[in-house]
Amino acid sequence: MVPLGQAVFLDRDGVVNRAVVRGDKLYSPMSVDEFEFETGAEDAVRRIAAYAPVVVVTNQPEVARGRLAVETLEAMHALIRVRLPVTDVVFCPHDNADACECRKPKPGMILDACARLGVDPGLSVMVGDQDRDIEAGRAAGCRTVLISNRPDRHQIAIGHPGVAPDHRNRTLAEAVPSIIKLLGGELP
């Protein structure tokens, strides 16, 4: 039997790309024109991909709500695939009411990707900017990194049992050393 490998799972909005401000709230981009990579994210993903495959895992409930066409979403994901060395981009198109197994904080997207790619979640890392990302990573058995670059974004509640991240960093670029350390690698 071939030994299982490791991977890094990245949330999309707020980690790989910027969330869009509408009024006083942050949202996912709704068009290719609104899609912008976070500062330093492209270089960060390249550095991480030198150590392990990178898979983007993202909740996109606007598809279920009828506000975002799958074709538009796929066009944004095509930008990620062209500009970043990612192995896959996986999305959950469901809303909370759908009670699916893929919507974070459930670990379905991560576990499905692990099965398809021959990845051991226990050797892998989930990186996200919300509690649901950390919960999904923990539920899958991954180590976790919280990107807490926005004070107005919902974050891990202090004392919330079972969801504390292994590391906290302000940006994906700043998280690269933490991620590589969790993968068992050493920085050059």
C-alpha atoms as a PDB file:
ATOM      1  CA  MET A   1       0.000   0.000   0.000  1.00  0.00           C
ATOM      2  CA  VAL A   2       1.262   3.473  -0.921  1.00  0.00           C
ATOM      3  CA  PRO A   3       1.647   5.689   2.156  1.00  0.00           C
ATOM      4  CA  LEU A   4      -0.775   8.571   2.349  1.00  0.00           C
ATOM      5  CA  GLY A   5       0.557  12.058   1.841  1.00  0.00           C
ATOM      6  CA  GLN A   6      -0.217  15.397   3.321  1.00  0.00           C
ATOM      7  CA  ALA A   7      -1.937  18.510   1.969  1.00  0.00           C
ATOM      8  CA  VAL A   8      -2.748  22.059   2.927  1.00  0.00           C
ATOM      9  CA  PHE A   9      -6.402  23.041   2.736  1.00  0.00           C
ATOM     10  CA  LEU A  10      -7.064  26.763   2.320  1.00  0.00           C
ATOM     11  CA  ASP A  11     -10.337  28.571   2.818  1.00  0.00           C
ATOM     12  CA  ARG A  12     -10.939  30.955  -0.076  1.00  0.00           C
ATOM     13  CA  ASP A  13     -12.549  34.261   0.944  1.00  0.00           C
ATOM     14  CA  GLY A  14     -10.397  36.197   3.409  1.00  0.00           C
ATOM     15  CA  VAL A  15      -7.438  33.821   2.986  1.00  0.00           C
ATOM     16  CA  VAL A  16      -6.699  33.409  -0.739  1.00  0.00           C
ATOM     17  CA  ASN A  17      -8.786  36.325  -1.995  1.00  0.00           C
ATOM     18  CA  ARG A  18     -10.201  39.470  -0.463  1.00  0.00           C
ATOM     19  CA  ALA A  19     -13.715  39.531   0.820  1.00  0.00           C
ATOM     20  CA  VAL A  20     -15.865  42.307  -0.653  1.00  0.00           C
ATOM     21  CA  VAL A  21     -17.219  45.025   1.634  1.00  0.00           C
ATOM     22  CA  ARG A  22     -20.901  45.807   1.088  1.00  0.00           C
ATOM     23  CA  GLY A  23     -22.301  48.259   3.596  1.00  0.00           C
ATOM     24  CA  ASP A  24     -20.659  47.262   6.859  1.00  0.00           C
ATOM     25  CA  LYS A  25     -20.306  43.527   6.113  1.00  0.00           C
ATOM     26  CA  LEU A  26     -17.870  41.292   4.272  1.00  0.00           C
ATOM     27  CA  TYR A  27     -19.081  39.039   1.465  1.00  0.00           C
ATOM     28  CA  SER A  28     -17.722  36.676  -1.137  1.00  0.00           C
ATOM     29  CA  PRO A  29     -17.034  38.264  -4.517  1.00  0.00           C
ATOM     30  CA  MET A  30     -19.983  37.859  -6.852  1.00  0.00           C
ATOM     31  CA  SER A  31     -18.126  38.386 -10.133  1.00  0.00           C
ATOM     32  CA  VAL A  32     -14.707  37.898 -11.677  1.00  0.00           C
ATOM     33  CA  ASP A  33     -14.296  41.701 -11.602  1.00  0.00           C
ATOM     34  CA  GLU A  34     -14.694  41.686  -7.798  1.00  0.00           C
ATOM     35  CA  PHE A  35     -12.227  38.823  -7.326  1.00  0.00           C
ATOM     36  CA  GLU A  36      -8.831  40.017  -5.997  1.00  0.00           C
ATOM     37  CA  PHE A  37      -6.098  37.958  -4.403  1.00  0.00           C
ATOM     38  CA  GLU A  38      -5.109  38.890  -0.848  1.00  0.00           C
ATOM     39  CA  THR A  39      -1.796  40.740  -0.648  1.00  0.00           C
ATOM     40  CA  GLY A  40       1.014  38.184  -0.625  1.00  0.00           C
ATOM     41  CA  ALA A  41      -1.308  35.212  -1.159  1.00  0.00           C
ATOM     42  CA  GLU A  42       0.095  34.215  -4.541  1.00  0.00           C
ATOM     43  CA  ASP A  43       3.669  33.980  -3.260  1.00  0.00           C
ATOM     44  CA  ALA A  44       2.476  32.293  -0.048  1.00  0.00           C
ATOM     45  CA  VAL A  45       0.653  29.555  -1.965  1.00  0.00           C
ATOM     46  CA  ARG A  46       3.722  28.971  -4.145  1.00  0.00           C
ATOM     47  CA  ARG A  47       5.879  28.571  -1.031  1.00  0.00           C
ATOM     48  CA  ILE A  48       3.380  26.205   0.615  1.00  0.00           C
ATOM     49  CA  ALA A  49       2.988  24.141  -2.578  1.00  0.00           C
ATOM     50  CA  ALA A  50       6.735  23.418  -2.474  1.00  0.00           C
ATOM     51  CA  TYR A  51       6.014  21.320   0.656  1.00  0.00           C
ATOM     52  CA  ALA A  52       2.558  19.816   0.022  1.00  0.00           C
ATOM     53  CA  PRO A  53      -0.352  19.886  -2.417  1.00  0.00           C
ATOM     54  CA  VAL A  54      -2.701  22.823  -1.864  1.00  0.00           C
ATOM     55  CA  VAL A  55      -6.477  22.435  -2.060  1.00  0.00           C
ATOM     56  CA  VAL A  56      -8.895  25.356  -1.738  1.00  0.00           C
ATOM     57  CA  VAL A  57     -12.111  24.436   0.143  1.00  0.00           C
ATOM     58  CA  THR A  58     -14.858  27.045   0.206  1.00  0.00           C
ATOM     59  CA  ASN A  59     -18.484  27.434   1.236  1.00  0.00           C
ATOM     60  CA  GLN A  60     -20.422  29.275  -1.480  1.00  0.00           C
ATOM     61  CA  PRO A  61     -24.043  29.437  -0.273  1.00  0.00           C
ATOM     62  CA  GLU A  62     -24.909  32.199  -2.745  1.00  0.00           C
ATOM     63  CA  VAL A  63     -25.224  29.406  -5.337  1.00  0.00           C
ATOM     64  CA  ALA A  64     -28.061  27.785  -3.344  1.00  0.00           C
ATOM     65  CA  ARG A  65     -29.609  31.202  -2.728  1.00  0.00           C
ATOM     66  CA  GLY A  66     -29.757  31.830  -6.486  1.00  0.00           C
ATOM     67  CA  ARG A  67     -27.490  34.892  -6.324  1.00  0.00           C
ATOM     68  CA  LEU A  68     -24.385  33.346  -7.892  1.00  0.00           C
ATOM     69  CA  ALA A  69     -24.276  31.242 -11.031  1.00  0.00           C
ATOM     70  CA  VAL A  70     -22.032  28.178 -10.915  1.00  0.00           C
ATOM     71  CA  GLU A  71     -20.456  29.388 -14.178  1.00  0.00           C
ATOM     72  CA  THR A  72     -19.402  32.666 -12.512  1.00  0.00           C
ATOM     73  CA  LEU A  73     -18.039  30.798  -9.511  1.00  0.00           C
ATOM     74  CA  GLU A  74     -16.100  28.450 -11.791  1.00  0.00           C
ATOM     75  CA  ALA A  75     -14.653  31.451 -13.654  1.00  0.00           C
ATOM     76  CA  MET A  76     -13.287  32.773 -10.337  1.00  0.00           C
ATOM     77  CA  HIS A  77     -11.889  29.334  -9.553  1.00  0.00           C
ATOM     78  CA  ALA A  78     -10.288  29.232 -12.998  1.00  0.00           C
ATOM     79  CA  LEU A  79      -8.338  32.365 -11.982  1.00  0.00           C
ATOM     80  CA  ILE A  80      -7.106  30.538  -8.894  1.00  0.00           C
ATOM     81  CA  ARG A  81      -6.068  27.514 -10.950  1.00  0.00           C
ATOM     82  CA  VAL A  82      -4.232  29.660 -13.503  1.00  0.00           C
ATOM     83  CA  ARG A  83      -2.413  31.915 -11.031  1.00  0.00           C
ATOM     84  CA  LEU A  84      -1.745  29.540  -8.142  1.00  0.00           C
ATOM     85  CA  PRO A  85      -0.172  26.075  -7.954  1.00  0.00           C
ATOM     86  CA  VAL A  86      -3.259  24.425  -6.464  1.00  0.00           C
ATOM     87  CA  THR A  87      -4.138  20.777  -6.844  1.00  0.00           C
ATOM     88  CA  ASP A  88      -7.871  21.424  -6.642  1.00  0.00           C
ATOM     89  CA  VAL A  89     -10.571  23.955  -5.779  1.00  0.00           C
ATOM     90  CA  VAL A  90     -13.579  22.400  -4.047  1.00  0.00           C
ATOM     91  CA  PHE A  91     -16.767  24.239  -3.155  1.00  0.00           C
ATOM     92  CA  CYS A  92     -19.954  23.569  -1.251  1.00  0.00           C
ATOM     93  CA  PRO A  93     -22.893  25.212  -3.071  1.00  0.00           C
ATOM     94  CA  HIS A  94     -25.335  24.602  -0.213  1.00  0.00           C
ATOM     95  CA  ASP A  95     -26.928  26.828   2.410  1.00  0.00           C
ATOM     96  CA  ASN A  96     -27.270  25.975   6.115  1.00  0.00           C
ATOM     97  CA  ALA A  97     -30.828  24.691   5.634  1.00  0.00           C
ATOM     98  CA  ASP A  98     -29.588  22.036   3.188  1.00  0.00           C
ATOM     99  CA  ALA A  99     -27.901  20.141   6.057  1.00  0.00           C
ATOM    100  CA  CYS A 100     -25.255  18.732   3.715  1.00  0.00           C
ATOM    101  CA  GLU A 101     -22.048  17.025   4.809  1.00  0.00           C
ATOM    102  CA  CYS A 102     -19.785  19.287   2.759  1.00  0.00           C
ATOM    103  CA  ARG A 103     -20.590  22.704   4.246  1.00  0.00           C
ATOM    104  CA  LYS A 104     -18.010  23.796   6.782  1.00  0.00           C
ATOM    105  CA  PRO A 105     -17.926  23.360   9.798  1.00  0.00           C
ATOM    106  CA  LYS A 106     -18.603  19.788   8.671  1.00  0.00           C
ATOM    107  CA  PRO A 107     -15.467  18.128   7.290  1.00  0.00           C
ATOM    108  CA  GLY A 108     -16.964  16.629   4.111  1.00  0.00           C
ATOM    109  CA  MET A 109     -15.014  18.683   1.563  1.00  0.00           C
ATOM    110  CA  ILE A 110     -11.728  17.985   3.324  1.00  0.00           C
ATOM    111  CA  LEU A 111     -12.384  14.272   3.809  1.00  0.00           C
ATOM    112  CA  ASP A 112     -13.570  13.802   0.212  1.00  0.00           C
ATOM    113  CA  ALA A 113     -10.451  15.557  -1.109  1.00  0.00           C
ATOM    114  CA  CYS A 114      -8.264  13.421   1.174  1.00  0.00           C
ATOM    115  CA  ALA A 115      -9.849  10.235  -0.173  1.00  0.00           C
ATOM    116  CA  ARG A 116      -9.498  11.329  -3.821  1.00  0.00           C
ATOM    117  CA  LEU A 117      -5.901  12.526  -3.453  1.00  0.00           C
ATOM    118  CA  GLY A 118      -4.521   9.854  -1.120  1.00  0.00           C
ATOM    119  CA  VAL A 119      -3.994  12.331   1.693  1.00  0.00           C
ATOM    120  CA  ASP A 120      -3.861  11.624   5.419  1.00  0.00           C
ATOM    121  CA  PRO A 121      -5.799  14.411   7.171  1.00  0.00           C
ATOM    122  CA  GLY A 122      -3.734  13.797  10.312  1.00  0.00           C
ATOM    123  CA  LEU A 123      -0.631  14.911   8.400  1.00  0.00           C
ATOM    124  CA  SER A 124      -2.414  17.865   6.811  1.00  0.00           C
ATOM    125  CA  VAL A 125      -3.228  21.469   7.691  1.00  0.00           C
ATOM    126  CA  MET A 126      -6.453  23.477   7.331  1.00  0.00           C
ATOM    127  CA  VAL A 127      -6.055  27.265   7.091  1.00  0.00           C
ATOM    128  CA  GLY A 128      -9.043  29.557   7.480  1.00  0.00           C
ATOM    129  CA  ASP A 129     -10.251  32.863   8.817  1.00  0.00           C
ATOM    130  CA  GLN A 130     -13.430  31.758  10.600  1.00  0.00           C
ATOM    131  CA  ASP A 131     -14.360  29.365  13.357  1.00  0.00           C
ATOM    132  CA  ARG A 132     -16.158  27.091  10.881  1.00  0.00           C
ATOM    133  CA  ASP A 133     -12.859  26.565   9.023  1.00  0.00           C
ATOM    134  CA  ILE A 134     -11.041  25.587  12.203  1.00  0.00           C
ATOM    135  CA  GLU A 135     -13.922  23.337  13.275  1.00  0.00           C
ATOM    136  CA  ALA A 136     -13.956  21.598   9.872  1.00  0.00           C
ATOM    137  CA  GLY A 137     -10.201  21.078   9.997  1.00  0.00           C
ATOM    138  CA  ARG A 138     -10.360  19.669  13.523  1.00  0.00           C
ATOM    139  CA  ALA A 139     -13.312  17.406  12.638  1.00  0.00           C
ATOM    140  CA  ALA A 140     -11.304  16.037   9.694  1.00  0.00           C
ATOM    141  CA  GLY A 141      -8.284  15.442  11.940  1.00  0.00           C
ATOM    142  CA  CYS A 142      -6.101  18.220  10.501  1.00  0.00           C
ATOM    143  CA  ARG A 143      -3.899  20.657  12.326  1.00  0.00           C
ATOM    144  CA  THR A 144      -5.174  24.206  11.928  1.00  0.00           C
ATOM    145  CA  VAL A 145      -4.064  27.783  11.351  1.00  0.00           C
ATOM    146  CA  LEU A 146      -6.374  30.740  11.930  1.00  0.00           C
ATOM    147  CA  ILE A 147      -5.877  33.823   9.764  1.00  0.00           C
ATOM    148  CA  SER A 148      -7.191  36.640  11.924  1.00  0.00           C
ATOM    149  CA  ASN A 149      -6.439  39.667   9.803  1.00  0.00           C
ATOM    150  CA  ARG A 150      -9.786  41.421  10.256  1.00  0.00           C
ATOM    151  CA  PRO A 151     -11.102  42.379  13.668  1.00  0.00           C
ATOM    152  CA  ASP A 152     -14.635  42.732  12.277  1.00  0.00           C
ATOM    153  CA  ARG A 153     -14.687  39.149  10.961  1.00  0.00           C
ATOM    154  CA  HIS A 154     -16.264  36.485  13.178  1.00  0.00           C
ATOM    155  CA  GLN A 155     -13.425  34.695  14.931  1.00  0.00           C
ATOM    156  CA  ILE A 156     -12.878  31.875  17.386  1.00  0.00           C
ATOM    157  CA  ALA A 157     -14.743  32.502  20.615  1.00  0.00           C
ATOM    158  CA  ILE A 158     -12.420  32.545  23.602  1.00  0.00           C
ATOM    159  CA  GLY A 159     -12.819  29.292  25.476  1.00  0.00           C
ATOM    160  CA  HIS A 160     -14.857  27.656  22.695  1.00  0.00           C
ATOM    161  CA  PRO A 161     -13.993  24.002  23.312  1.00  0.00           C
ATOM    162  CA  GLY A 162     -12.338  21.979  20.613  1.00  0.00           C
ATOM    163  CA  VAL A 163     -11.788  24.674  18.004  1.00  0.00           C
ATOM    164  CA  ALA A 164      -8.673  26.513  19.134  1.00  0.00           C
ATOM    165  CA  PRO A 165      -6.214  26.659  16.229  1.00  0.00           C
ATOM    166  CA  ASP A 166      -2.680  25.307  16.443  1.00  0.00           C
ATOM    167  CA  HIS A 167      -1.381  28.663  15.195  1.00  0.00           C
ATOM    168  CA  ARG A 168      -2.731  32.165  14.583  1.00  0.00           C
ATOM    169  CA  ASN A 169      -1.359  34.560  11.990  1.00  0.00           C
ATOM    170  CA  ARG A 170      -2.580  37.837  10.520  1.00  0.00           C
ATOM    171  CA  THR A 171      -2.261  36.860   6.849  1.00  0.00           C
ATOM    172  CA  LEU A 172      -1.596  33.798   4.730  1.00  0.00           C
ATOM    173  CA  ALA A 173       1.809  35.250   3.861  1.00  0.00           C
ATOM    174  CA  GLU A 174       2.682  35.518   7.559  1.00  0.00           C
ATOM    175  CA  ALA A 175       1.343  31.993   8.152  1.00  0.00           C
ATOM    176  CA  VAL A 176       3.742  30.240   5.766  1.00  0.00           C
ATOM    177  CA  PRO A 177       6.350  29.426   8.471  1.00  0.00           C
ATOM    178  CA  SER A 178       3.612  28.103  10.789  1.00  0.00           C
ATOM    179  CA  ILE A 179       2.146  25.940   8.021  1.00  0.00           C
ATOM    180  CA  ILE A 180       5.534  24.548   6.992  1.00  0.00           C
ATOM    181  CA  LYS A 181       6.342  23.790  10.644  1.00  0.00           C
ATOM    182  CA  LEU A 182       3.031  21.914  11.037  1.00  0.00           C
ATOM    183  CA  LEU A 183       3.873  19.925   7.898  1.00  0.00           C
ATOM    184  CA  GLY A 184       7.147  18.884   9.530  1.00  0.00           C
ATOM    185  CA  GLY A 185       9.238  20.917   7.120  1.00  0.00           C
ATOM    186  CA  GLU A 186      11.988  23.393   7.722  1.00  0.00           C
ATOM    187  CA  LEU A 187      12.286  26.830   6.198  1.00  0.00           C
ATOM    188  CA  PRO A 188      15.284  27.385   3.920  1.00  0.00           C
END
